[in-house]
PDB file of N, CA and C in Angstrom:
ATOM      1  N   MET A   1      37.722  43.575  39.327  1.00  0.00           N
ATOM      2  CA  MET A   1      36.844  42.829  38.114  1.00  0.00           C
ATOM      3  C   MET A   1      36.199  42.146  39.548  1.00  0.00           C
ATOM      4  N   PHE A   2      34.677  42.069  38.901  1.00  0.00           N
ATOM      5  CA  PHE A   2      33.612  41.138  39.837  1.00  0.00           C
ATOM      6  C   PHE A   2      33.316  40.458  39.151  1.00  0.00           C
ATOM      7  N   PHE A   3      33.064  39.705  37.628  1.00  0.00           N
ATOM      8  CA  PHE A   3      32.670  38.689  37.351  1.00  0.00           C
ATOM      9  C   PHE A   3      34.074  38.177  36.510  1.00  0.00           C
ATOM     10  N   LYS A   4      34.179  37.350  36.953  1.00  0.00           N
ATOM     11  CA  LYS A   4      35.630  36.725  36.476  1.00  0.00           C
ATOM     12  C   LYS A   4      35.417  35.888  35.436  1.00  0.00           C
ATOM     13  N   SER A   5      35.231  35.771  33.864  1.00  0.00           N
ATOM     14  CA  SER A   5      35.148  35.693  32.703  1.00  0.00           C
ATOM     15  C   SER A   5      35.636  36.261  31.514  1.00  0.00           C
ATOM     16  N   SER A   6      35.134  35.275  30.381  1.00  0.00           N
ATOM     17  CA  SER A   6      35.901  36.091  29.650  1.00  0.00           C
ATOM     18  C   SER A   6      34.959  37.263  28.702  1.00  0.00           C
ATOM     19  N   LYS A   7      35.293  38.091  27.759  1.00  0.00           N
ATOM     20  CA  LYS A   7      34.836  39.563  27.838  1.00  0.00           C
ATOM     21  C   LYS A   7      34.036  39.119  26.496  1.00  0.00           C
ATOM     22  N   ILE A   8      33.956  38.371  25.798  1.00  0.00           N
ATOM     23  CA  ILE A   8      32.618  37.457  24.950  1.00  0.00           C
ATOM     24  C   ILE A   8      31.619  37.545  25.742  1.00  0.00           C
ATOM     25  N   ASN A   9      32.103  36.492  27.033  1.00  0.00           N
ATOM     26  CA  ASN A   9      30.933  35.941  27.991  1.00  0.00           C
ATOM     27  C   ASN A   9      30.240  37.106  28.778  1.00  0.00           C
ATOM     28  N   GLU A  10      30.931  38.080  28.636  1.00  0.00           N
ATOM     29  CA  GLU A  10      30.508  39.179  29.659  1.00  0.00           C
ATOM     30  C   GLU A  10      29.646  40.259  28.581  1.00  0.00           C
ATOM     31  N   PHE A  11      29.551  40.163  27.496  1.00  0.00           N
ATOM     32  CA  PHE A  11      28.983  40.679  26.701  1.00  0.00           C
ATOM     33  C   PHE A  11      27.798  40.240  26.083  1.00  0.00           C
ATOM     34  N   ARG A  12      27.967  39.217  26.023  1.00  0.00           N
ATOM     35  CA  ARG A  12      26.342  37.978  26.255  1.00  0.00           C
ATOM     36  C   ARG A  12      25.429  38.402  27.369  1.00  0.00           C
ATOM     37  N   LEU A  13      26.429  38.092  28.494  1.00  0.00           N
ATOM     38  CA  LEU A  13      26.318  37.991  29.747  1.00  0.00           C
ATOM     39  C   LEU A  13      25.013  40.348  29.785  1.00  0.00           C
ATOM     40  N   TRP A  14      25.320  40.633  29.278  1.00  0.00           N
ATOM     41  CA  TRP A  14      24.746  41.990  29.087  1.00  0.00           C
ATOM     42  C   TRP A  14      23.539  41.828  28.121  1.00  0.00           C
ATOM     43  N   GLY A  15      23.771  41.280  27.190  1.00  0.00           N
ATOM     44  CA  GLY A  15      22.486  41.278  26.125  1.00  0.00           C
ATOM     45  C   GLY A  15      21.356  40.145  26.868  1.00  0.00           C
ATOM     46  N   LEU A  16      21.812  39.037  27.567  1.00  0.00           N
ATOM     47  CA  LEU A  16      20.415  38.356  27.926  1.00  0.00           C
ATOM     48  C   LEU A  16      19.914  38.989  29.101  1.00  0.00           C
ATOM     49  N   LEU A  17      20.446  40.041  29.733  1.00  0.00           N
ATOM     50  CA  LEU A  17      19.772  40.708  31.304  1.00  0.00           C
ATOM     51  C   LEU A  17      19.279  41.745  30.606  1.00  0.00           C
ATOM     52  N   LEU A  18      19.531  42.389  29.479  1.00  0.00           N
ATOM     53  CA  LEU A  18      18.868  43.449  28.520  1.00  0.00           C
ATOM     54  C   LEU A  18      17.771  42.859  28.149  1.00  0.00           C
ATOM     55  N   THR A  19      17.273  41.446  27.590  1.00  0.00           N
ATOM     56  CA  THR A  19      16.464  40.352  26.976  1.00  0.00           C
ATOM     57  C   THR A  19      15.334  40.964  27.735  1.00  0.00           C
ATOM     58  N   MET A  20      16.095  40.090  29.186  1.00  0.00           N
ATOM     59  CA  MET A  20      15.286  39.223  30.481  1.00  0.00           C
ATOM     60  C   MET A  20      14.506  40.680  31.111  1.00  0.00           C
ATOM     61  N   LEU A  21      14.986  41.871  31.154  1.00  0.00           N
ATOM     62  CA  LEU A  21      14.102  43.098  31.347  1.00  0.00           C
ATOM     63  C   LEU A  21      13.458  43.647  30.151  1.00  0.00           C
ATOM     64  N   GLY A  22      13.820  43.617  28.893  1.00  0.00           N
ATOM     65  CA  GLY A  22      12.497  43.986  28.253  1.00  0.00           C
ATOM     66  C   GLY A  22      11.263  42.833  28.003  1.00  0.00           C
ATOM     67  N   MET A  23      11.542  41.900  27.956  1.00  0.00           N
ATOM     68  CA  MET A  23      10.527  40.772  28.173  1.00  0.00           C
ATOM     69  C   MET A  23       9.731  41.545  29.400  1.00  0.00           C
ATOM     70  N   GLY A  24      10.656  41.471  30.782  1.00  0.00           N
ATOM     71  CA  GLY A  24       9.875  41.411  32.344  1.00  0.00           C
ATOM     72  C   GLY A  24       8.773  43.107  31.940  1.00  0.00           C
ATOM     73  N   LEU A  25       9.587  44.069  31.651  1.00  0.00           N
ATOM     74  CA  LEU A  25       9.060  45.169  31.208  1.00  0.00           C
ATOM     75  C   LEU A  25       7.483  44.969  30.280  1.00  0.00           C
ATOM     76  N   MET A  26       7.516  44.190  29.270  1.00  0.00           N
ATOM     77  CA  MET A  26       6.629  44.192  28.498  1.00  0.00           C
ATOM     78  C   MET A  26       5.217  43.203  29.129  1.00  0.00           C
ATOM     79  N   VAL A  27       5.396  42.178  29.750  1.00  0.00           N
ATOM     80  CA  VAL A  27       4.774  41.671  30.386  1.00  0.00           C
ATOM     81  C   VAL A  27       4.008  42.458  31.618  1.00  0.00           C
ATOM     82  N   LEU A  28       5.067  43.406  32.732  1.00  0.00           N
ATOM     83  CA  LEU A  28       4.684  43.695  33.514  1.00  0.00           C
ATOM     84  C   LEU A  28       3.538  45.243  32.997  1.00  0.00           C
ATOM     85  N   GLY A  29       4.041  45.687  31.534  1.00  0.00           N
ATOM     86  CA  GLY A  29       2.836  46.830  31.318  1.00  0.00           C
ATOM     87  C   GLY A  29       1.479  46.537  31.040  1.00  0.00           C
ATOM     88  N   THR A  30       1.496  45.499  30.205  1.00  0.00           N
ATOM     89  CA  THR A  30       0.335  44.327  29.425  1.00  0.00           C
ATOM     90  C   THR A  30      -0.068  44.012  30.659  1.00  0.00           C
ATOM     91  N   ALA A  31       0.140  43.675  32.126  1.00  0.00           N
ATOM     92  CA  ALA A  31      -0.478  43.297  33.359  1.00  0.00           C
ATOM     93  C   ALA A  31      -1.168  44.832  33.725  1.00  0.00           C
ATOM     94  N   GLY A  32      -0.799  46.228  33.407  1.00  0.00           N
ATOM     95  CA  GLY A  32      -1.225  47.110  33.416  1.00  0.00           C
ATOM     96  C   GLY A  32      -2.706  47.197  33.254  1.00  0.00           C
ATOM     97  N   ILE A  33      -3.058  46.849  31.712  1.00  0.00           N
ATOM     98  CA  ILE A  33      -4.692  46.433  31.892  1.00  0.00           C
ATOM     99  C   ILE A  33      -5.341  45.925  32.679  1.00  0.00           C
ATOM    100  N   VAL A  34      -4.660  44.626  33.394  1.00  0.00           N
ATOM    101  CA  VAL A  34      -5.608  44.135  33.951  1.00  0.00           C
ATOM    102  C   VAL A  34      -5.822  44.721  35.608  1.00  0.00           C
ATOM    103  N   PHE A  35      -4.885  45.151  36.065  1.00  0.00           N
ATOM    104  CA  PHE A  35      -4.674  45.902  37.476  1.00  0.00           C
ATOM    105  C   PHE A  35      -5.434  46.993  37.126  1.00  0.00           C
ATOM    106  N   PHE A  36      -5.650  48.141  36.416  1.00  0.00           N
ATOM    107  CA  PHE A  36      -5.740  49.557  36.616  1.00  0.00           C
ATOM    108  C   PHE A  36      -7.157  49.389  35.290  1.00  0.00           C
ATOM    109  N   GLY A  37      -7.269  48.583  34.619  1.00  0.00           N
ATOM    110  CA  GLY A  37      -8.188  48.347  33.677  1.00  0.00           C
ATOM    111  C   GLY A  37      -7.779  49.696  32.457  1.00  0.00           C
ATOM    112  N   GLN A  38      -9.244  50.380  32.183  1.00  0.00           N
ATOM    113  CA  GLN A  38      -9.160  51.571  31.074  1.00  0.00           C
ATOM    114  C   GLN A  38      -7.941  52.551  31.327  1.00  0.00           C
ATOM    115  N   SER A  39      -7.784  52.631  32.396  1.00  0.00           N
ATOM    116  CA  SER A  39      -6.400  53.680  32.414  1.00  0.00           C
ATOM    117  C   SER A  39      -4.832  53.117  32.454  1.00  0.00           C
ATOM    118  N   GLY A  40      -5.356  51.844  32.589  1.00  0.00           N
ATOM    119  CA  GLY A  40      -4.042  51.036  32.337  1.00  0.00           C
ATOM    120  C   GLY A  40      -3.577  50.678  31.345  1.00  0.00           C
ATOM    121  N   LYS A  41      -3.888  51.010  30.321  1.00  0.00           N
ATOM    122  CA  LYS A  41      -3.405  51.615  28.732  1.00  0.00           C
ATOM    123  C   LYS A  41      -2.152  52.108  28.510  1.00  0.00           C
ATOM    124  N   ILE A  42      -2.206  53.356  29.087  1.00  0.00           N
ATOM    125  CA  ILE A  42      -1.122  54.174  29.203  1.00  0.00           C
ATOM    126  C   ILE A  42       0.025  53.378  29.744  1.00  0.00           C
ATOM    127  N   VAL A  43      -0.026  52.866  30.904  1.00  0.00           N
ATOM    128  CA  VAL A  43       1.010  52.138  31.548  1.00  0.00           C
ATOM    129  C   VAL A  43       1.607  50.759  30.745  1.00  0.00           C
ATOM    130  N   ALA A  44       0.455  50.170  29.759  1.00  0.00           N
ATOM    131  CA  ALA A  44       0.907  49.267  28.510  1.00  0.00           C
ATOM    132  C   ALA A  44       1.628  49.768  27.832  1.00  0.00           C
ATOM    133  N   GLY A  45       1.091  50.685  27.759  1.00  0.00           N
ATOM    134  CA  GLY A  45       1.971  51.429  26.062  1.00  0.00           C
ATOM    135  C   GLY A  45       3.670  51.870  26.693  1.00  0.00           C
ATOM    136  N   ILE A  46       3.628  52.396  27.730  1.00  0.00           N
ATOM    137  CA  ILE A  46       4.994  52.987  28.079  1.00  0.00           C
ATOM    138  C   ILE A  46       5.726  51.519  28.057  1.00  0.00           C
ATOM    139  N   GLY A  47       4.985  50.377  28.713  1.00  0.00           N
ATOM    140  CA  GLY A  47       5.683  49.422  29.018  1.00  0.00           C
ATOM    141  C   GLY A  47       6.331  48.848  28.010  1.00  0.00           C
ATOM    142  N   LEU A  48       5.562  48.727  27.234  1.00  0.00           N
ATOM    143  CA  LEU A  48       5.866  48.261  25.572  1.00  0.00           C
ATOM    144  C   LEU A  48       6.795  48.708  25.144  1.00  0.00           C
ATOM    145  N   VAL A  49       6.677  50.239  25.125  1.00  0.00           N
ATOM    146  CA  VAL A  49       7.904  51.151  24.451  1.00  0.00           C
ATOM    147  C   VAL A  49       8.940  50.485  25.175  1.00  0.00           C
ATOM    148  N   ILE A  50       9.484  50.913  26.656  1.00  0.00           N
ATOM    149  CA  ILE A  50      10.456  50.705  27.199  1.00  0.00           C
ATOM    150  C   ILE A  50      11.166  49.616  26.971  1.00  0.00           C
ATOM    151  N   GLY A  51      10.234  48.495  27.206  1.00  0.00           N
ATOM    152  CA  GLY A  51      10.356  46.884  26.984  1.00  0.00           C
ATOM    153  C   GLY A  51      11.012  46.552  25.226  1.00  0.00           C
ATOM    154  N   LEU A  52      10.852  47.544  24.632  1.00  0.00           N
ATOM    155  CA  LEU A  52      10.992  47.247  23.025  1.00  0.00           C
ATOM    156  C   LEU A  52      12.180  47.953  22.934  1.00  0.00           C
ATOM    157  N   ILE A  53      12.417  48.898  23.265  1.00  0.00           N
ATOM    158  CA  ILE A  53      13.836  49.383  23.763  1.00  0.00           C
ATOM    159  C   ILE A  53      14.992  48.629  23.879  1.00  0.00           C
ATOM    160  N   ALA A  54      14.674  48.066  25.235  1.00  0.00           N
ATOM    161  CA  ALA A  54      15.874  46.967  26.048  1.00  0.00           C
ATOM    162  C   ALA A  54      15.958  45.635  25.293  1.00  0.00           C
ATOM    163  N   MET A  55      14.442  45.399  24.130  1.00  0.00           N
ATOM    164  CA  MET A  55      14.889  44.267  23.261  1.00  0.00           C
ATOM    165  C   MET A  55      15.712  44.466  22.205  1.00  0.00           C
ATOM    166  N   LEU A  56      15.592  45.863  21.990  1.00  0.00           N
ATOM    167  CA  LEU A  56      16.426  46.087  20.627  1.00  0.00           C
ATOM    168  C   LEU A  56      18.349  46.415  21.030  1.00  0.00           C
ATOM    169  N   GLY A  57      18.105  47.075  22.348  1.00  0.00           N
ATOM    170  CA  GLY A  57      19.386  47.005  22.667  1.00  0.00           C
ATOM    171  C   GLY A  57      20.198  45.585  23.343  1.00  0.00           C
ATOM    172  N   SER A  58      19.882  44.730  23.632  1.00  0.00           N
ATOM    173  CA  SER A  58      20.459  43.299  23.683  1.00  0.00           C
ATOM    174  C   SER A  58      20.369  42.670  22.298  1.00  0.00           C
ATOM    175  N   LEU A  59      19.693  43.028  20.762  1.00  0.00           N
ATOM    176  CA  LEU A  59      20.083  42.670  19.942  1.00  0.00           C
ATOM    177  C   LEU A  59      21.181  43.459  19.334  1.00  0.00           C
ATOM    178  N   ALA A  60      21.444  44.677  19.601  1.00  0.00           N
ATOM    179  CA  ALA A  60      22.676  45.326  19.329  1.00  0.00           C
ATOM    180  C   ALA A  60      24.100  44.944  20.092  1.00  0.00           C
ATOM    181  N   ILE A  61      23.739  44.727  21.216  1.00  0.00           N
ATOM    182  CA  ILE A  61      25.110  44.051  22.144  1.00  0.00           C
ATOM    183  C   ILE A  61      25.366  42.948  21.641  1.00  0.00           C
ATOM    184  N   TYR A  62      24.363  41.614  21.119  1.00  0.00           N
ATOM    185  CA  TYR A  62      24.388  40.404  20.578  1.00  0.00           C
ATOM    186  C   TYR A  62      25.057  41.123  19.433  1.00  0.00           C
ATOM    187  N   PHE A  63      24.615  41.577  18.407  1.00  0.00           N
ATOM    188  CA  PHE A  63      25.283  41.292  17.419  1.00  0.00           C
ATOM    189  C   PHE A  63      26.747  41.932  17.330  1.00  0.00           C
ATOM    190  N   TRP A  64      26.889  43.103  18.545  1.00  0.00           N
ATOM    191  CA  TRP A  64      28.157  43.493  18.506  1.00  0.00           C
ATOM    192  C   TRP A  64      29.526  42.099  18.793  1.00  0.00           C
ATOM    193  N   ALA A  65      28.399  41.880  20.267  1.00  0.00           N
ATOM    194  CA  ALA A  65      29.372  40.484  20.528  1.00  0.00           C
ATOM    195  C   ALA A  65      30.029  39.543  19.435  1.00  0.00           C
ATOM    196  N   GLY A  66      28.762  38.952  18.638  1.00  0.00           N
ATOM    197  CA  GLY A  66      28.778  38.421  17.568  1.00  0.00           C
ATOM    198  C   GLY A  66      30.000  38.519  16.775  1.00  0.00           C
ATOM    199  N   MET A  67      30.228  40.374  16.344  1.00  0.00           N
ATOM    200  CA  MET A  67      31.023  40.466  15.622  1.00  0.00           C
ATOM    201  C   MET A  67      32.439  40.703  16.177  1.00  0.00           C
ATOM    202  N   LEU A  68      32.630  40.621  17.381  1.00  0.00           N
ATOM    203  CA  LEU A  68      33.766  40.646  17.714  1.00  0.00           C
ATOM    204  C   LEU A  68      34.474  39.447  17.937  1.00  0.00           C
ATOM    205  N   SER A  69      33.158  38.140  18.245  1.00  0.00           N
ATOM    206  CA  SER A  69      33.901  36.820  18.228  1.00  0.00           C
ATOM    207  C   SER A  69      34.621  36.485  16.762  1.00  0.00           C
ATOM    208  N   THR A  70      34.114  36.667  15.699  1.00  0.00           N
ATOM    209  CA  THR A  70      34.653  36.459  14.322  1.00  0.00           C
ATOM    210  C   THR A  70      35.841  36.554  14.464  1.00  0.00           C
ATOM    211  N   SER A  71      36.136  37.976  14.890  1.00  0.00           N
ATOM    212  CA  SER A  71      38.100  38.666  14.609  1.00  0.00           C
ATOM    213  C   SER A  71      38.703  38.348  15.813  1.00  0.00           C
ATOM    214  N   ALA A  72      37.974  37.786  17.112  1.00  0.00           N
ATOM    215  CA  ALA A  72      39.129  37.267  18.271  1.00  0.00           C
ATOM    216  C   ALA A  72      39.872  36.024  17.672  1.00  0.00           C
ATOM    217  N   VAL A  73      41.151  36.145  18.549  1.00  0.00           N
ATOM    218  CA  VAL A  73      42.207  35.428  18.187  1.00  0.00           C
ATOM    219  C   VAL A  73      41.675  34.165  19.349  1.00  0.00           C
ATOM    220  N   GLN A  74      41.843  33.125  18.263  1.00  0.00           N
ATOM    221  CA  GLN A  74      41.406  31.459  18.792  1.00  0.00           C
ATOM    222  C   GLN A  74      42.837  30.880  19.413  1.00  0.00           C
ATOM    223  N   LEU A  75      42.901  30.085  20.548  1.00  0.00           N
ATOM    224  CA  LEU A  75      44.363  29.576  21.364  1.00  0.00           C
ATOM    225  C   LEU A  75      43.449  28.593  22.288  1.00  0.00           C
ATOM    226  N   GLU A  76      44.445  27.652  22.089  1.00  0.00           N
ATOM    227  CA  GLU A  76      44.309  26.897  23.364  1.00  0.00           C
ATOM    228  C   GLU A  76      44.644  26.998  24.367  1.00  0.00           C
ATOM    229  N   CYS A  77      43.806  26.878  25.669  1.00  0.00           N
ATOM    230  CA  CYS A  77      44.286  27.169  26.772  1.00  0.00           C
ATOM    231  C   CYS A  77      45.170  26.109  27.213  1.00  0.00           C
ATOM    232  N   PRO A  78      46.410  26.906  28.146  1.00  0.00           N
ATOM    233  CA  PRO A  78      47.480  25.915  28.787  1.00  0.00           C
ATOM    234  C   PRO A  78      46.999  25.469  29.993  1.00  0.00           C
ATOM    235  N   GLU A  79      45.766  25.369  30.330  1.00  0.00           N
ATOM    236  CA  GLU A  79      45.096  24.955  31.808  1.00  0.00           C
ATOM    237  C   GLU A  79      44.320  23.707  31.221  1.00  0.00           C
ATOM    238  N   CYS A  80      43.397  23.957  30.960  1.00  0.00           N
ATOM    239  CA  CYS A  80      42.299  23.073  30.331  1.00  0.00           C
ATOM    240  C   CYS A  80      41.904  22.509  29.245  1.00  0.00           C
ATOM    241  N   HIS A  81      43.008  23.170  28.103  1.00  0.00           N
ATOM    242  CA  HIS A  81      43.366  22.604  26.563  1.00  0.00           C
ATOM    243  C   HIS A  81      42.250  22.735  25.512  1.00  0.00           C
ATOM    244  N   LYS A  82      41.583  23.440  26.230  1.00  0.00           N
ATOM    245  CA  LYS A  82      40.023  24.143  25.112  1.00  0.00           C
ATOM    246  C   LYS A  82      40.524  25.156  24.059  1.00  0.00           C
ATOM    247  N   LEU A  83      39.955  24.819  22.934  1.00  0.00           N
ATOM    248  CA  LEU A  83      39.983  25.953  22.110  1.00  0.00           C
ATOM    249  C   LEU A  83      38.850  27.209  22.628  1.00  0.00           C
ATOM    250  N   THR A  84      39.685  28.316  22.956  1.00  0.00           N
ATOM    251  CA  THR A  84      38.901  29.282  23.568  1.00  0.00           C
ATOM    252  C   THR A  84      39.511  31.160  22.522  1.00  0.00           C
ATOM    253  N   LYS A  85      38.460  31.757  23.196  1.00  0.00           N
ATOM    254  CA  LYS A  85      38.958  33.012  22.044  1.00  0.00           C
ATOM    255  C   LYS A  85      39.242  34.203  22.844  1.00  0.00           C
ATOM    256  N   MET A  86      40.499  34.962  22.306  1.00  0.00           N
ATOM    257  CA  MET A  86      40.589  35.877  23.210  1.00  0.00           C
ATOM    258  C   MET A  86      40.553  37.651  22.524  1.00  0.00           C
ATOM    259  N   LEU A  87      39.801  38.507  23.371  1.00  0.00           N
ATOM    260  CA  LEU A  87      39.721  39.594  23.154  1.00  0.00           C
ATOM    261  C   LEU A  87      40.798  40.636  23.553  1.00  0.00           C
ATOM    262  N   GLY A  88      41.719  41.391  23.110  1.00  0.00           N
ATOM    263  CA  GLY A  88      42.705  42.516  23.518  1.00  0.00           C
ATOM    264  C   GLY A  88      43.839  41.823  24.267  1.00  0.00           C
ATOM    265  N   LYS A  89      44.511  42.446  25.069  1.00  0.00           N
ATOM    266  CA  LYS A  89      45.804  42.075  25.102  1.00  0.00           C
ATOM    267  C   LYS A  89      45.806  40.880  26.565  1.00  0.00           C
ATOM    268  N   THR A  90      45.138  41.171  27.628  1.00  0.00           N
ATOM    269  CA  THR A  90      44.479  39.949  28.161  1.00  0.00           C
ATOM    270  C   THR A  90      43.072  39.468  28.379  1.00  0.00           C
ATOM    271  N   ASP A  91      42.951  38.273  28.821  1.00  0.00           N
ATOM    272  CA  ASP A  91      41.596  37.841  28.606  1.00  0.00           C
ATOM    273  C   ASP A  91      41.491  36.729  29.689  1.00  0.00           C
ATOM    274  N   ARG A  92      40.397  35.767  30.138  1.00  0.00           N
ATOM    275  CA  ARG A  92      40.253  35.104  30.790  1.00  0.00           C
ATOM    276  C   ARG A  92      39.342  33.290  29.470  1.00  0.00           C
ATOM    277  N   CYS A  93      40.022  32.441  29.614  1.00  0.00           N
ATOM    278  CA  CYS A  93      39.412  31.439  29.186  1.00  0.00           C
ATOM    279  C   CYS A  93      37.961  30.982  29.216  1.00  0.00           C
ATOM    280  N   MET A  94      37.602  30.852  28.390  1.00  0.00           N
ATOM    281  CA  MET A  94      35.674  31.101  28.344  1.00  0.00           C
ATOM    282  C   MET A  94      35.427  29.443  29.334  1.00  0.00           C
ATOM    283  N   PHE A  95      36.132  28.936  29.839  1.00  0.00           N
ATOM    284  CA  PHE A  95      35.605  27.623  30.341  1.00  0.00           C
ATOM    285  C   PHE A  95      36.306  27.397  31.492  1.00  0.00           C
ATOM    286  N   CYS A  96      37.260  27.980  31.927  1.00  0.00           N
ATOM    287  CA  CYS A  96      38.213  27.350  33.307  1.00  0.00           C
ATOM    288  C   CYS A  96      38.145  29.177  33.728  1.00  0.00           C
ATOM    289  N   LYS A  97      38.316  30.062  33.183  1.00  0.00           N
ATOM    290  CA  LYS A  97      38.926  31.191  33.722  1.00  0.00           C
ATOM    291  C   LYS A  97      39.847  31.533  33.688  1.00  0.00           C
ATOM    292  N   THR A  98      41.080  30.821  33.570  1.00  0.00           N
ATOM    293  CA  THR A  98      42.542  31.528  33.560  1.00  0.00           C
ATOM    294  C   THR A  98      42.906  32.396  32.828  1.00  0.00           C
ATOM    295  N   ILE A  99      43.315  33.157  33.413  1.00  0.00           N
ATOM    296  CA  ILE A  99      43.792  34.559  32.632  1.00  0.00           C
ATOM    297  C   ILE A  99      44.901  34.084  31.715  1.00  0.00           C
ATOM    298  N   LEU A 100      44.409  34.600  30.309  1.00  0.00           N
ATOM    299  CA  LEU A 100      45.753  34.359  28.675  1.00  0.00           C
ATOM    300  C   LEU A 100      46.340  35.603  28.755  1.00  0.00           C
ATOM    301  N   THR A 101      47.406  35.597  28.020  1.00  0.00           N
ATOM    302  CA  THR A 101      48.178  36.800  27.467  1.00  0.00           C
ATOM    303  C   THR A 101      49.085  36.255  26.772  1.00  0.00           C
ATOM    304  N   LEU A 102      48.788  37.234  25.265  1.00  0.00           N
ATOM    305  CA  LEU A 102      49.717  37.207  24.065  1.00  0.00           C
ATOM    306  C   LEU A 102      51.298  38.275  24.425  1.00  0.00           C
ATOM    307  N   ASP A 103      50.794  39.040  25.315  1.00  0.00           N
ATOM    308  CA  ASP A 103      51.733  39.997  25.557  1.00  0.00           C
ATOM    309  C   ASP A 103      53.255  39.375  26.357  1.00  0.00           C
ATOM    310  N   PRO A 104      54.310  38.742  26.339  1.00  0.00           N
ATOM    311  CA  PRO A 104      55.420  38.280  26.677  1.00  0.00           C
ATOM    312  C   PRO A 104      55.649  39.458  27.836  1.00  0.00           C
ATOM    313  N   ALA A 105      55.355  40.404  27.815  1.00  0.00           N
ATOM    314  CA  ALA A 105      55.557  41.120  29.207  1.00  0.00           C
ATOM    315  C   ALA A 105      54.764  41.240  30.780  1.00  0.00           C
ATOM    316  N   GLN A 106      53.842  40.306  30.254  1.00  0.00           N
ATOM    317  CA  GLN A 106      52.534  40.216  31.287  1.00  0.00           C
ATOM    318  C   GLN A 106      52.534  38.395  31.409  1.00  0.00           C
ATOM    319  N   ALA A 107      53.356  37.674  30.961  1.00  0.00           N
ATOM    320  CA  ALA A 107      52.989  36.382  30.762  1.00  0.00           C
ATOM    321  C   ALA A 107      53.277  35.731  32.308  1.00  0.00           C
ATOM    322  N   ASP A 108      53.991  36.616  32.479  1.00  0.00           N
ATOM    323  CA  ASP A 108      54.538  35.920  34.142  1.00  0.00           C
ATOM    324  C   ASP A 108      53.922  36.523  35.507  1.00  0.00           C
ATOM    325  N   ILE A 109      52.765  37.307  34.932  1.00  0.00           N
ATOM    326  CA  ILE A 109      52.313  38.441  36.055  1.00  0.00           C
ATOM    327  C   ILE A 109      50.823  37.338  36.375  1.00  0.00           C
ATOM    328  N   THR A 110      51.121  37.271  37.871  1.00  0.00           N
ATOM    329  CA  THR A 110      49.939  36.711  38.688  1.00  0.00           C
ATOM    330  C   THR A 110      48.643  37.594  37.886  1.00  0.00           C
ATOM    331  N   ALA A 111      47.523  36.821  39.078  1.00  0.00           N
ATOM    332  CA  ALA A 111      46.126  37.356  38.445  1.00  0.00           C
ATOM    333  C   ALA A 111      46.187  38.428  39.723  1.00  0.00           C
ATOM    334  N   ASP A 112      46.807  38.626  40.707  1.00  0.00           N
ATOM    335  CA  ASP A 112      46.525  39.386  42.086  1.00  0.00           C
ATOM    336  C   ASP A 112      47.252  41.004  41.461  1.00  0.00           C
ATOM    337  N   GLN A 113      48.227  40.818  40.786  1.00  0.00           N
ATOM    338  CA  GLN A 113      48.879  41.452  40.279  1.00  0.00           C
ATOM    339  C   GLN A 113      48.651  42.227  39.053  1.00  0.00           C
ATOM    340  N   LEU A 114      47.454  41.514  38.250  1.00  0.00           N
ATOM    341  CA  LEU A 114      47.360  41.974  36.667  1.00  0.00           C
ATOM    342  C   LEU A 114      45.988  42.664  37.298  1.00  0.00           C
ATOM    343  N   GLU A 115      45.435  42.678  38.310  1.00  0.00           N
ATOM    344  CA  GLU A 115      44.515  43.517  38.428  1.00  0.00           C
ATOM    345  C   GLU A 115      45.028  44.314  39.211  1.00  0.00           C
ATOM    346  N   GLN A 116      45.186  44.396  40.622  1.00  0.00           N
ATOM    347  CA  GLN A 116      46.357  45.839  40.821  1.00  0.00           C
ATOM    348  C   GLN A 116      46.604  46.603  39.872  1.00  0.00           C
ATOM    349  N   GLN A 117      47.200  46.532  38.750  1.00  0.00           N
ATOM    350  CA  GLN A 117      47.770  47.171  37.787  1.00  0.00           C
ATOM    351  C   GLN A 117      46.641  48.094  36.665  1.00  0.00           C
ATOM    352  N   GLN A 118      45.413  47.287  36.907  1.00  0.00           N
ATOM    353  CA  GLN A 118      44.213  47.435  35.999  1.00  0.00           C
ATOM    354  C   GLN A 118      43.731  48.892  37.448  1.00  0.00           C
ATOM    355  N   ILE A 119      43.656  48.641  38.275  1.00  0.00           N
ATOM    356  CA  ILE A 119      43.290  49.177  39.716  1.00  0.00           C
ATOM    357  C   ILE A 119      43.841  50.777  39.164  1.00  0.00           C
ATOM    358  N   SER A 120      44.690  50.362  39.141  1.00  0.00           N
ATOM    359  CA  SER A 120      45.885  51.684  39.553  1.00  0.00           C
ATOM    360  C   SER A 120      45.710  52.384  38.013  1.00  0.00           C
ATOM    361  N   GLY A 121      45.454  51.426  37.009  1.00  0.00           N
ATOM    362  CA  GLY A 121      45.109  52.268  35.482  1.00  0.00           C
ATOM    363  C   GLY A 121      44.243  52.994  35.619  1.00  0.00           C
ATOM    364  N   MET A 122      43.282  52.893  36.138  1.00  0.00           N
ATOM    365  CA  MET A 122      41.877  52.882  36.218  1.00  0.00           C
ATOM    366  C   MET A 122      41.750  54.385  36.655  1.00  0.00           C
ATOM    367  N   SER A 123      42.741  54.188  38.269  1.00  0.00           N
ATOM    368  CA  SER A 123      42.937  55.280  39.011  1.00  0.00           C
ATOM    369  C   SER A 123      43.859  56.707  38.739  1.00  0.00           C
ATOM    370  N   GLY A 124      44.408  56.123  37.472  1.00  0.00           N
ATOM    371  CA  GLY A 124      45.719  56.993  37.356  1.00  0.00           C
ATOM    372  C   GLY A 124      44.851  58.201  35.599  1.00  0.00           C
ATOM    373  N   ASN A 125      43.604  57.813  34.867  1.00  0.00           N
ATOM    374  CA  ASN A 125      42.730  58.072  34.261  1.00  0.00           C
ATOM    375  C   ASN A 125      41.933  59.745  34.923  1.00  0.00           C
ATOM    376  N   HIS A 126      41.911  59.218  35.891  1.00  0.00           N
ATOM    377  CA  HIS A 126      40.678  60.405  36.299  1.00  0.00           C
ATOM    378  C   HIS A 126      41.355  61.630  36.930  1.00  0.00           C
TER     379      HIS A 126
END
């Protein structure tokens, strides 16, 4: 697990990255007209179309994260005592990144053991 944050925040992060990528491609594509003159219109058109696709992808991800957020289980974090949302069997607190679970079988597992289980589970699927 590279980023240690809640699943909903991960979705929002990818939506934000796609938004920034789409806007950057649109700006760079339009700058093609400045740098390449008349032939830069092709570069601008390609940049604008790919940027638009990235922006629509970010819109879809934000919509999906919003729909997941409405059906997520709300609970109080035992560490920071803030109300947070949880997706799946295990998730992290949105604020303090504490591992949360509603599964009694995993309630006494440390973060390292949980990460090891997830790694062994992924390697067993191949």
